[in-house]
Amino acid sequence: MAGKRGAVKASLNNVPTSPRKMRLVADLVRGQKVDRALNILRFDSKVGSEYIEKLLLSAISNWANENEDRKIEDANLYIKEIFVDGGRMLKRLRPAPQGRGHRIRKRSNHITIVIDSLNPADADNTTSDNDNTENEN
């Protein structure tokens, strides 16, 4: 996706949890560094944290494959974007009194994570301005 820019994306589709519940977990880790986000997700009791933790590990692996010449520890990875969209909805009927039926909607969602490095790859190639100064005497 964006090996030259440094940002890498990972997505997970049709997670069997409502988008509203998953957004609560996504809001906890949005903008956090990857190490801190993994600790938050590991010790969170919500169901969605397991799915987001696996997806974050997948995004880290994708970043490592795109940037084989750089170390993960030196890159200062952080979660640039994370968003949860609604997925397909299974519609079911539950029996109700007097011959009626109540509709039950079993929701699912799609999660997308974009991680990026705080240290860009071009930081190693910087030159100092002292080499280009001229003497005006």
Protein backbone atom coordinates (compact mmCIF):
# COMPACT_ATOMS: atom_id res chain seq x y z
CA MET A 1 0.00 0.00 0.00
CA ALA A 2 2.30 2.76 1.18
CA GLY A 3 5.78 1.40 1.68
CA LYS A 4 7.36 4.65 0.52
CA ARG A 5 5.22 6.75 2.82
CA GLY A 6 5.61 4.37 5.74
CA ALA A 7 1.91 3.94 6.52
CA VAL A 8 0.58 0.38 6.35
CA LYS A 9 -3.03 -0.78 6.45
CA ALA A 10 -4.69 -3.93 7.78
CA SER A 11 -8.40 -4.73 7.76
CA LEU A 12 -10.74 -7.37 9.15
CA ASN A 13 -14.18 -7.95 7.68
CA ASN A 14 -17.43 -9.39 9.07
CA VAL A 15 -16.52 -9.43 12.76
CA PRO A 16 -19.63 -10.73 14.58
CA THR A 17 -19.95 -7.83 17.01
CA SER A 18 -22.05 -4.70 16.72
CA PRO A 19 -20.17 -1.68 15.37
CA ARG A 20 -21.16 0.43 18.37
CA LYS A 21 -19.48 -1.96 20.82
CA MET A 22 -16.38 -2.22 18.64
CA ARG A 23 -16.05 1.58 18.34
CA LEU A 24 -15.79 1.81 22.14
CA VAL A 25 -12.65 -0.35 22.00
CA ALA A 26 -11.28 1.44 18.92
CA ASP A 27 -11.55 4.79 20.70
CA LEU A 28 -9.32 3.49 23.50
CA VAL A 29 -6.34 2.91 21.20
CA ARG A 30 -6.76 5.62 18.54
CA GLY A 31 -3.54 7.68 18.29
CA GLN A 32 -1.63 5.54 20.81
CA LYS A 33 1.81 4.08 20.27
CA VAL A 34 1.71 0.43 19.27
CA ASP A 35 3.28 -0.92 22.49
CA ARG A 36 0.84 0.96 24.69
CA ALA A 37 -2.11 -0.02 22.49
CA LEU A 38 -1.21 -3.71 22.74
CA ASN A 39 -1.09 -3.45 26.54
CA ILE A 40 -4.46 -1.70 26.63
CA LEU A 41 -6.05 -4.33 24.40
CA ARG A 42 -4.50 -7.28 26.22
CA PHE A 43 -5.97 -6.29 29.58
CA ASP A 44 -9.32 -4.94 28.38
CA SER A 45 -12.32 -7.13 29.21
CA LYS A 46 -14.43 -6.20 26.17
CA VAL A 47 -14.99 -8.81 23.45
CA GLY A 48 -13.84 -6.51 20.65
CA SER A 49 -10.38 -6.04 22.14
CA GLU A 50 -9.35 -9.58 21.10
CA TYR A 51 -10.19 -8.88 17.45
CA ILE A 52 -8.45 -5.50 17.41
CA GLU A 53 -5.36 -6.95 19.12
CA LYS A 54 -5.02 -9.63 16.44
CA LEU A 55 -5.56 -7.03 13.72
CA LEU A 56 -2.93 -4.73 15.23
CA LEU A 57 -0.41 -7.58 15.31
CA SER A 58 -1.22 -8.22 11.65
CA ALA A 59 -0.65 -4.55 10.81
CA ILE A 60 2.73 -4.64 12.59
CA SER A 61 3.67 -7.71 10.56
CA ASN A 62 2.61 -5.92 7.36
CA TRP A 63 4.79 -2.95 8.30
CA ALA A 64 7.76 -5.26 8.93
CA ASN A 65 7.29 -6.86 5.50
CA GLU A 66 7.12 -3.46 3.77
CA ASN A 67 10.14 -2.05 5.63
CA GLU A 68 12.58 -4.95 5.87
CA ASP A 69 15.60 -2.65 6.28
CA ARG A 70 14.23 -0.95 9.42
CA LYS A 71 13.73 -2.22 12.97
CA ILE A 72 10.33 -2.08 14.64
CA GLU A 73 11.84 -0.85 17.92
CA ASP A 74 13.50 2.16 16.25
CA ALA A 75 10.47 3.13 14.16
CA ASN A 76 8.18 4.37 16.98
CA LEU A 77 5.04 2.95 15.39
CA TYR A 78 1.69 4.47 16.30
CA ILE A 79 -1.93 3.98 15.25
CA LYS A 80 -2.54 6.67 12.68
CA GLU A 81 -6.14 5.71 11.91
CA ILE A 82 -8.60 3.17 13.16
CA PHE A 83 -12.20 3.06 12.09
CA VAL A 84 -15.12 0.66 12.35
CA ASP A 85 -17.78 0.43 9.66
CA GLY A 86 -20.99 -1.53 9.72
CA GLY A 87 -20.91 -4.89 8.00
CA ARG A 88 -23.63 -7.23 6.84
CA MET A 89 -26.66 -7.74 9.03
CA LEU A 90 -28.40 -11.07 9.54
CA LYS A 91 -32.13 -10.57 10.02
CA ARG A 92 -34.03 -13.07 12.14
CA LEU A 93 -37.53 -13.29 13.60
CA ARG A 94 -38.30 -14.11 17.20
CA PRO A 95 -41.79 -15.27 18.19
CA ALA A 96 -43.80 -12.66 20.06
CA PRO A 97 -47.21 -12.81 21.75
CA GLN A 98 -50.43 -13.05 19.78
CA GLY A 99 -48.84 -14.55 16.69
CA ARG A 100 -46.54 -11.66 15.95
CA GLY A 101 -42.83 -11.73 15.22
CA HIS A 102 -40.17 -9.33 16.45
CA ARG A 103 -37.23 -8.67 14.16
CA ILE A 104 -33.75 -9.37 15.51
CA ARG A 105 -30.78 -7.83 13.72
CA LYS A 106 -27.47 -9.63 14.23
CA ARG A 107 -24.92 -7.01 13.31
CA SER A 108 -21.32 -7.33 12.17
CA ASN A 109 -18.60 -4.82 11.37
CA HIS A 110 -15.45 -4.12 9.35
CA ILE A 111 -12.35 -2.83 11.16
CA THR A 112 -9.48 -0.98 9.45
CA ILE A 113 -6.21 0.02 11.11
CA VAL A 114 -3.50 2.23 9.60
CA ILE A 115 -0.17 2.37 11.44
CA ASP A 116 2.71 4.70 10.68
CA SER A 117 6.17 5.50 11.99
CA LEU A 118 6.98 8.63 13.97
CA ASN A 119 10.53 8.43 12.58
CA PRO A 120 10.30 8.76 8.79
CA ALA A 121 12.66 6.71 6.62
CA ASP A 122 14.21 9.89 5.18
CA ALA A 123 15.52 10.98 8.59
CA ASP A 124 18.71 8.98 8.02
CA ASN A 125 19.54 10.91 4.84
CA THR A 126 19.47 14.43 6.27
CA THR A 127 22.41 16.75 5.62
CA SER A 128 23.50 19.58 7.84
CA ASP A 129 23.35 23.18 6.66
CA ASN A 130 26.83 23.90 8.06
CA ASP A 131 28.46 22.17 5.09
CA ASN A 132 26.90 24.58 2.60
CA THR A 133 27.69 27.89 4.32
CA GLU A 134 30.17 30.25 2.72
CA ASN A 135 32.60 32.58 4.36
CA GLU A 136 31.63 36.21 3.70
CA ASN A 137 34.97 37.79 4.79
